[in-house]
N, C-alpha and C. Protein backbone atom coordinates (compact mmCIF):
# COMPACT_ATOMS: atom_id res chain seq x y z
N UNK A 1 0.82 -1.19 0.00
CA UNK A 1 0.00 0.00 0.00
C UNK A 1 0.87 1.25 0.00
N UNK A 2 1.93 1.23 0.78
CA UNK A 2 2.84 2.37 0.84
C UNK A 2 3.52 2.60 -0.50
N UNK A 3 3.89 1.52 -1.15
CA UNK A 3 4.54 1.64 -2.46
C UNK A 3 3.56 2.22 -3.47
N UNK A 4 2.29 1.81 -3.41
CA UNK A 4 1.28 2.33 -4.33
C UNK A 4 1.09 3.82 -4.12
N UNK A 5 1.06 4.29 -2.86
CA UNK A 5 0.92 5.72 -2.57
C UNK A 5 2.14 6.50 -3.06
N UNK A 6 3.31 5.92 -2.88
CA UNK A 6 4.53 6.57 -3.33
C UNK A 6 4.52 6.73 -4.85
N UNK A 7 4.10 5.69 -5.55
CA UNK A 7 4.02 5.77 -7.03
C UNK A 7 3.00 6.83 -7.47
N UNK A 8 1.86 6.87 -6.79
CA UNK A 8 0.84 7.86 -7.12
C UNK A 8 1.37 9.27 -6.89
N UNK A 9 2.06 9.45 -5.77
CA UNK A 9 2.64 10.76 -5.47
C UNK A 9 3.68 11.15 -6.51
N UNK A 10 4.57 10.24 -6.85
CA UNK A 10 5.62 10.52 -7.85
C UNK A 10 5.01 10.80 -9.21
N UNK A 11 3.98 10.06 -9.58
CA UNK A 11 3.31 10.30 -10.87
C UNK A 11 2.68 11.69 -10.88
N UNK A 12 2.04 12.06 -9.76
CA UNK A 12 1.43 13.39 -9.67
C UNK A 12 2.48 14.48 -9.73
N UNK A 13 3.60 14.29 -9.02
CA UNK A 13 4.68 15.28 -9.03
C UNK A 13 5.27 15.42 -10.42
N UNK A 14 5.42 14.30 -11.11
CA UNK A 14 5.97 14.34 -12.47
C UNK A 14 5.02 15.08 -13.41
N UNK A 15 3.72 14.85 -13.25
CA UNK A 15 2.73 15.53 -14.10
C UNK A 15 2.78 17.03 -13.89
N UNK A 16 2.87 17.45 -12.63
CA UNK A 16 2.93 18.88 -12.33
C UNK A 16 4.21 19.47 -12.93
N UNK A 17 5.31 18.74 -12.81
CA UNK A 17 6.58 19.22 -13.35
C UNK A 17 6.54 19.32 -14.87
N UNK A 18 6.00 18.29 -15.53
CA UNK A 18 5.97 18.28 -16.99
C UNK A 18 4.92 19.22 -17.57
N UNK A 19 3.77 19.28 -16.94
CA UNK A 19 2.67 20.07 -17.49
C UNK A 19 2.59 21.47 -16.89
N UNK A 20 3.32 21.70 -15.84
CA UNK A 20 3.27 23.00 -15.19
C UNK A 20 2.14 23.02 -14.17
N UNK A 21 2.27 23.87 -13.22
CA UNK A 21 1.26 24.01 -12.18
C UNK A 21 0.01 24.62 -12.80
N UNK A 22 -1.13 23.94 -12.70
CA UNK A 22 -2.35 24.49 -13.29
C UNK A 22 -2.63 25.89 -12.75
N UNK A 23 -2.90 26.79 -13.62
CA UNK A 23 -3.22 28.15 -13.22
C UNK A 23 -2.00 29.05 -13.10
N UNK A 24 -0.80 28.47 -13.10
CA UNK A 24 0.40 29.28 -12.95
C UNK A 24 0.55 30.26 -14.12
N UNK A 25 0.42 29.73 -15.34
CA UNK A 25 0.56 30.60 -16.51
C UNK A 25 -0.52 31.67 -16.52
N UNK A 26 -1.74 31.26 -16.15
CA UNK A 26 -2.83 32.24 -16.12
C UNK A 26 -2.58 33.29 -15.05
N UNK A 27 -2.03 32.85 -13.90
CA UNK A 27 -1.75 33.81 -12.84
C UNK A 27 -0.64 34.76 -13.24
N UNK A 28 0.36 34.25 -13.96
CA UNK A 28 1.45 35.09 -14.42
C UNK A 28 0.98 35.99 -15.55
N UNK A 29 0.06 35.48 -16.35
CA UNK A 29 -0.46 36.25 -17.48
C UNK A 29 0.57 36.34 -18.59
N UNK A 30 0.10 36.22 -19.79
CA UNK A 30 0.98 36.45 -20.92
C UNK A 30 1.03 37.95 -21.11
N UNK A 31 2.05 38.56 -20.57
CA UNK A 31 2.16 40.01 -20.61
C UNK A 31 2.46 40.46 -22.04
N UNK A 32 1.60 41.31 -22.61
CA UNK A 32 1.87 41.79 -23.96
C UNK A 32 3.08 42.70 -23.96
N UNK A 33 3.79 42.69 -25.07
CA UNK A 33 4.94 43.57 -25.21
C UNK A 33 4.48 45.01 -25.13
N UNK A 34 5.29 45.84 -24.54
CA UNK A 34 4.95 47.25 -24.43
C UNK A 34 4.81 47.83 -25.84
N UNK A 35 3.82 48.66 -26.02
CA UNK A 35 3.57 49.30 -27.31
C UNK A 35 4.69 50.28 -27.61
N UNK A 36 5.29 50.14 -28.76
CA UNK A 36 6.37 51.03 -29.17
C UNK A 36 5.79 52.29 -29.78
N UNK A 37 6.29 53.44 -29.35
CA UNK A 37 5.92 54.71 -29.97
C UNK A 37 7.20 55.48 -30.24
N UNK A 38 7.56 55.57 -31.51
CA UNK A 38 8.80 56.23 -31.92
C UNK A 38 8.68 57.74 -32.02
N UNK A 39 7.48 58.26 -31.95
CA UNK A 39 7.25 59.69 -32.18
C UNK A 39 8.22 60.54 -31.36
N UNK A 40 8.90 61.44 -32.06
CA UNK A 40 9.85 62.34 -31.41
C UNK A 40 11.18 62.39 -32.16
N UNK A 41 12.13 63.13 -31.58
CA UNK A 41 13.47 63.27 -32.18
C UNK A 41 14.43 62.25 -31.62
N UNK A 42 15.27 61.72 -32.49
CA UNK A 42 16.24 60.71 -32.13
C UNK A 42 17.63 61.13 -32.63
N UNK A 43 18.65 60.87 -31.83
CA UNK A 43 20.04 61.13 -32.20
C UNK A 43 20.66 59.81 -32.65
N UNK A 44 21.05 59.75 -33.92
CA UNK A 44 21.65 58.55 -34.49
C UNK A 44 23.17 58.68 -34.51
N UNK A 45 23.85 57.56 -34.39
CA UNK A 45 25.29 57.47 -34.64
C UNK A 45 25.45 56.36 -35.67
N UNK A 46 25.94 56.73 -36.85
CA UNK A 46 26.06 55.80 -37.97
C UNK A 46 27.54 55.55 -38.26
N UNK A 47 27.90 54.29 -38.42
CA UNK A 47 29.27 53.91 -38.73
C UNK A 47 29.28 53.11 -40.03
N UNK A 48 30.06 53.59 -41.02
CA UNK A 48 30.22 52.89 -42.29
C UNK A 48 31.71 52.78 -42.61
N UNK A 49 32.01 52.10 -43.70
CA UNK A 49 33.40 51.99 -44.15
C UNK A 49 33.98 53.35 -44.51
N UNK A 50 33.11 54.30 -44.83
CA UNK A 50 33.56 55.63 -45.24
C UNK A 50 33.64 56.62 -44.08
N UNK A 51 33.25 56.19 -42.90
CA UNK A 51 33.32 57.08 -41.74
C UNK A 51 32.07 57.02 -40.90
N UNK A 52 31.95 58.01 -40.01
CA UNK A 52 30.80 58.05 -39.11
C UNK A 52 30.00 59.34 -39.32
N UNK A 53 28.76 59.30 -38.89
CA UNK A 53 27.90 60.47 -38.97
C UNK A 53 26.94 60.47 -37.80
N UNK A 54 26.35 61.64 -37.55
CA UNK A 54 25.42 61.78 -36.43
C UNK A 54 24.14 62.50 -36.88
N UNK A 55 23.34 61.85 -37.71
CA UNK A 55 22.10 62.49 -38.16
C UNK A 55 21.07 62.59 -37.04
N UNK A 56 20.15 63.52 -37.23
CA UNK A 56 18.99 63.63 -36.36
C UNK A 56 17.80 63.14 -37.15
N UNK A 57 17.01 62.27 -36.53
CA UNK A 57 15.84 61.69 -37.20
C UNK A 57 14.62 62.00 -36.35
N UNK A 58 13.59 62.55 -37.00
CA UNK A 58 12.33 62.84 -36.32
C UNK A 58 11.28 61.87 -36.85
N UNK A 59 10.68 61.11 -35.94
CA UNK A 59 9.66 60.13 -36.30
C UNK A 59 8.27 60.62 -35.90
N UNK A 60 7.29 60.24 -36.72
CA UNK A 60 5.88 60.37 -36.36
C UNK A 60 5.28 59.01 -36.65
N UNK A 61 4.70 58.41 -35.62
CA UNK A 61 4.15 57.06 -35.76
C UNK A 61 2.65 57.06 -35.66
N UNK A 62 2.02 56.31 -36.56
CA UNK A 62 0.58 56.06 -36.52
C UNK A 62 0.39 54.57 -36.77
N UNK A 63 0.08 53.83 -35.71
CA UNK A 63 -0.04 52.37 -35.84
C UNK A 63 1.32 51.78 -36.20
N UNK A 64 1.33 50.96 -37.26
CA UNK A 64 2.57 50.34 -37.72
C UNK A 64 3.31 51.19 -38.74
N UNK A 65 2.77 52.36 -39.08
CA UNK A 65 3.39 53.23 -40.08
C UNK A 65 4.19 54.34 -39.42
N UNK A 66 5.35 54.62 -39.98
CA UNK A 66 6.15 55.75 -39.51
C UNK A 66 6.48 56.64 -40.70
N UNK A 67 6.48 57.92 -40.44
CA UNK A 67 6.96 58.91 -41.39
C UNK A 67 7.94 59.77 -40.62
N UNK A 68 8.70 60.55 -41.35
CA UNK A 68 9.62 61.39 -40.61
C UNK A 68 10.54 62.21 -41.48
N UNK A 69 11.54 62.78 -40.81
CA UNK A 69 12.51 63.65 -41.47
C UNK A 69 13.90 63.27 -41.01
N UNK A 70 14.80 63.12 -41.98
CA UNK A 70 16.19 62.74 -41.74
C UNK A 70 17.06 63.95 -42.04
N UNK A 71 17.93 64.29 -41.12
CA UNK A 71 18.77 65.47 -41.28
C UNK A 71 20.22 65.13 -40.94
N UNK A 72 21.11 65.28 -41.95
CA UNK A 72 22.54 65.04 -41.69
C UNK A 72 23.39 65.93 -42.58
N UNK A 73 24.62 66.15 -42.15
CA UNK A 73 25.54 66.94 -42.96
C UNK A 73 25.94 66.19 -44.21
N UNK A 74 25.97 64.86 -44.15
CA UNK A 74 26.42 64.05 -45.28
C UNK A 74 25.33 63.86 -46.33
N UNK A 75 24.14 63.45 -45.89
CA UNK A 75 23.07 63.12 -46.84
C UNK A 75 22.01 64.21 -46.96
N UNK A 76 22.11 65.25 -46.17
CA UNK A 76 21.18 66.37 -46.28
C UNK A 76 19.87 66.16 -45.55
N UNK A 77 18.85 66.86 -46.04
CA UNK A 77 17.51 66.86 -45.44
C UNK A 77 16.58 66.08 -46.36
N UNK A 78 15.88 65.11 -45.80
CA UNK A 78 14.98 64.31 -46.62
C UNK A 78 13.87 63.70 -45.75
N UNK A 79 12.67 63.60 -46.32
CA UNK A 79 11.56 62.95 -45.65
C UNK A 79 11.56 61.46 -46.00
N UNK A 80 10.95 60.65 -45.14
CA UNK A 80 10.94 59.21 -45.38
C UNK A 80 9.64 58.59 -44.89
N UNK A 81 9.45 57.32 -45.29
CA UNK A 81 8.34 56.48 -44.83
C UNK A 81 8.90 55.14 -44.40
N UNK A 82 8.21 54.51 -43.46
CA UNK A 82 8.66 53.21 -43.00
C UNK A 82 7.60 52.49 -42.20
N UNK A 83 8.04 51.41 -41.54
CA UNK A 83 7.14 50.59 -40.73
C UNK A 83 7.81 50.19 -39.42
N UNK A 84 6.97 49.91 -38.43
CA UNK A 84 7.43 49.36 -37.15
C UNK A 84 6.46 48.24 -36.79
N UNK A 85 7.01 47.06 -36.60
CA UNK A 85 6.17 45.92 -36.23
C UNK A 85 6.99 44.98 -35.36
N UNK A 86 6.43 44.60 -34.22
CA UNK A 86 7.12 43.70 -33.28
C UNK A 86 8.52 44.20 -32.96
N UNK A 87 8.64 45.48 -32.67
CA UNK A 87 9.91 46.12 -32.30
C UNK A 87 10.90 46.23 -33.47
N UNK A 88 10.50 45.81 -34.66
CA UNK A 88 11.38 45.88 -35.84
C UNK A 88 11.02 47.12 -36.65
N UNK A 89 12.01 47.98 -36.84
CA UNK A 89 11.84 49.24 -37.56
C UNK A 89 12.53 49.16 -38.91
N UNK A 90 11.90 49.71 -39.93
CA UNK A 90 12.52 49.84 -41.23
C UNK A 90 12.01 51.12 -41.88
N UNK A 91 12.94 51.93 -42.40
CA UNK A 91 12.53 53.10 -43.17
C UNK A 91 13.52 53.35 -44.29
N UNK A 92 13.01 53.92 -45.38
CA UNK A 92 13.81 54.13 -46.58
C UNK A 92 13.57 55.53 -47.12
N UNK A 93 14.63 56.11 -47.65
CA UNK A 93 14.49 57.38 -48.36
C UNK A 93 15.47 57.38 -49.53
N UNK A 94 15.21 58.26 -50.47
CA UNK A 94 16.10 58.42 -51.63
C UNK A 94 16.81 59.75 -51.48
N UNK A 95 18.09 59.72 -51.80
CA UNK A 95 18.88 60.94 -51.71
C UNK A 95 19.92 60.95 -52.82
N UNK A 96 20.52 62.09 -53.06
CA UNK A 96 21.54 62.23 -54.09
C UNK A 96 22.92 62.05 -53.46
N UNK A 97 23.68 61.09 -54.00
CA UNK A 97 25.05 60.87 -53.56
C UNK A 97 25.95 60.99 -54.78
N UNK A 98 26.74 62.04 -54.82
CA UNK A 98 27.66 62.31 -55.93
C UNK A 98 26.95 62.24 -57.28
N UNK A 99 25.77 62.85 -57.34
CA UNK A 99 25.03 62.92 -58.60
C UNK A 99 24.18 61.70 -58.91
N UNK A 100 24.16 60.73 -58.04
CA UNK A 100 23.36 59.52 -58.25
C UNK A 100 22.26 59.42 -57.20
N UNK A 101 21.04 59.08 -57.65
CA UNK A 101 19.93 58.85 -56.73
C UNK A 101 20.15 57.50 -56.06
N UNK A 102 20.19 57.50 -54.74
CA UNK A 102 20.46 56.28 -53.98
C UNK A 102 19.37 56.07 -52.95
N UNK A 103 18.89 54.82 -52.86
CA UNK A 103 17.93 54.45 -51.82
C UNK A 103 18.72 54.05 -50.58
N UNK A 104 18.40 54.69 -49.46
CA UNK A 104 19.05 54.40 -48.19
C UNK A 104 18.01 53.74 -47.29
N UNK A 105 18.33 52.55 -46.78
CA UNK A 105 17.39 51.82 -45.94
C UNK A 105 18.00 51.54 -44.57
N UNK A 106 17.28 51.95 -43.54
CA UNK A 106 17.65 51.67 -42.16
C UNK A 106 16.75 50.55 -41.65
N UNK A 107 17.33 49.55 -41.00
CA UNK A 107 16.58 48.45 -40.40
C UNK A 107 17.15 48.21 -39.01
N UNK A 108 16.27 48.14 -38.02
CA UNK A 108 16.78 47.94 -36.67
C UNK A 108 15.73 47.43 -35.72
N UNK A 109 16.18 47.22 -34.49
CA UNK A 109 15.32 46.74 -33.42
C UNK A 109 15.22 47.81 -32.35
N UNK A 110 13.99 48.12 -31.97
CA UNK A 110 13.73 49.13 -30.95
C UNK A 110 13.71 48.46 -29.58
N UNK A 111 14.41 49.08 -28.64
CA UNK A 111 14.43 48.60 -27.26
C UNK A 111 14.24 49.81 -26.35
N UNK A 112 12.98 50.12 -26.05
CA UNK A 112 12.67 51.29 -25.23
C UNK A 112 13.04 52.57 -25.96
N UNK A 113 13.98 53.33 -25.39
CA UNK A 113 14.41 54.59 -25.99
C UNK A 113 15.72 54.44 -26.75
N UNK A 114 15.96 53.24 -27.29
CA UNK A 114 17.17 52.98 -28.07
C UNK A 114 16.81 52.12 -29.28
N UNK A 115 17.59 52.31 -30.34
CA UNK A 115 17.44 51.51 -31.56
C UNK A 115 18.84 51.08 -31.98
N UNK A 116 18.95 49.87 -32.49
CA UNK A 116 20.23 49.37 -32.97
C UNK A 116 19.97 48.59 -34.25
N UNK A 117 20.81 48.82 -35.28
CA UNK A 117 20.58 48.10 -36.51
C UNK A 117 21.60 48.38 -37.58
N UNK A 118 21.15 48.22 -38.83
CA UNK A 118 22.03 48.38 -39.99
C UNK A 118 21.47 49.40 -40.96
N UNK A 119 22.36 49.92 -41.78
CA UNK A 119 21.97 50.83 -42.85
C UNK A 119 22.54 50.28 -44.15
N UNK A 120 21.74 50.37 -45.23
CA UNK A 120 22.15 49.86 -46.54
C UNK A 120 22.02 50.97 -47.57
N UNK A 121 23.06 51.17 -48.35
CA UNK A 121 23.07 52.18 -49.40
C UNK A 121 22.87 51.50 -50.74
N UNK A 122 21.62 51.18 -51.06
CA UNK A 122 21.24 50.58 -52.34
C UNK A 122 22.09 49.37 -52.70
N UNK A 123 22.49 48.59 -51.71
CA UNK A 123 23.29 47.41 -51.96
C UNK A 123 24.73 47.69 -52.33
N UNK A 124 25.14 48.96 -52.33
CA UNK A 124 26.51 49.33 -52.72
C UNK A 124 27.42 49.50 -51.51
N UNK A 125 26.89 49.39 -50.34
CA UNK A 125 27.66 49.56 -49.11
C UNK A 125 26.70 49.67 -47.95
N UNK A 126 27.25 49.70 -46.78
CA UNK A 126 26.38 49.78 -45.62
C UNK A 126 27.17 49.99 -44.35
N UNK A 127 26.48 49.80 -43.26
CA UNK A 127 27.10 49.98 -41.97
C UNK A 127 26.12 49.66 -40.87
N UNK A 128 26.42 50.17 -39.70
CA UNK A 128 25.57 49.94 -38.54
C UNK A 128 25.21 51.27 -37.90
N UNK A 129 24.19 51.24 -37.04
CA UNK A 129 23.80 52.46 -36.35
C UNK A 129 23.25 52.13 -34.97
N UNK A 130 23.33 53.12 -34.11
CA UNK A 130 22.62 53.12 -32.84
C UNK A 130 21.88 54.45 -32.77
N UNK A 131 20.82 54.48 -32.00
CA UNK A 131 20.05 55.73 -31.86
C UNK A 131 19.48 55.79 -30.45
N UNK A 132 19.37 57.02 -29.97
CA UNK A 132 18.76 57.25 -28.65
C UNK A 132 17.74 58.37 -28.79
N UNK A 133 16.63 58.19 -28.12
CA UNK A 133 15.59 59.20 -28.13
C UNK A 133 16.10 60.45 -27.41
N UNK A 134 15.86 61.60 -28.02
CA UNK A 134 16.21 62.86 -27.37
C UNK A 134 15.12 63.22 -26.39
N UNK A 135 15.48 63.84 -25.27
CA UNK A 135 14.44 64.28 -24.34
C UNK A 135 13.50 65.28 -25.03
N UNK A 136 12.26 65.32 -24.57
CA UNK A 136 11.29 66.27 -25.13
C UNK A 136 11.86 67.66 -25.10
N UNK A 137 11.68 68.37 -26.20
CA UNK A 137 12.19 69.74 -26.31
C UNK A 137 13.66 69.77 -26.71
N UNK A 138 14.30 68.57 -26.90
CA UNK A 138 15.72 68.53 -27.20
C UNK A 138 16.05 68.21 -28.56
């Protein structure tokens, strides 16, 4: 009888271990990811084979769509469109580089008030970037 109780107890313990404590997941809740809102000014640091730059990017977000303005000494002033979904950001703009129209695409991952990713110059070169949200009014 004692052996039968021990087996029943071990089987129950194994079931709880394998299946999880009933109600534990519900009690913990599947916490949704915080909603990302990029709206505002961001300070970028871009590193490429040709050097570094520090553009300012202003985002306006509506749902999964982003629009904005890119401002740098190297590539000038240009408006852009992009998307943000599941913390993944992508935006593209066209600019003139040495007399040639070039599509510049930024792709990165948003983590709170920071973004990290890559930049591609129409497949002819690229680099990496980091960005930090500027304080309001900054």
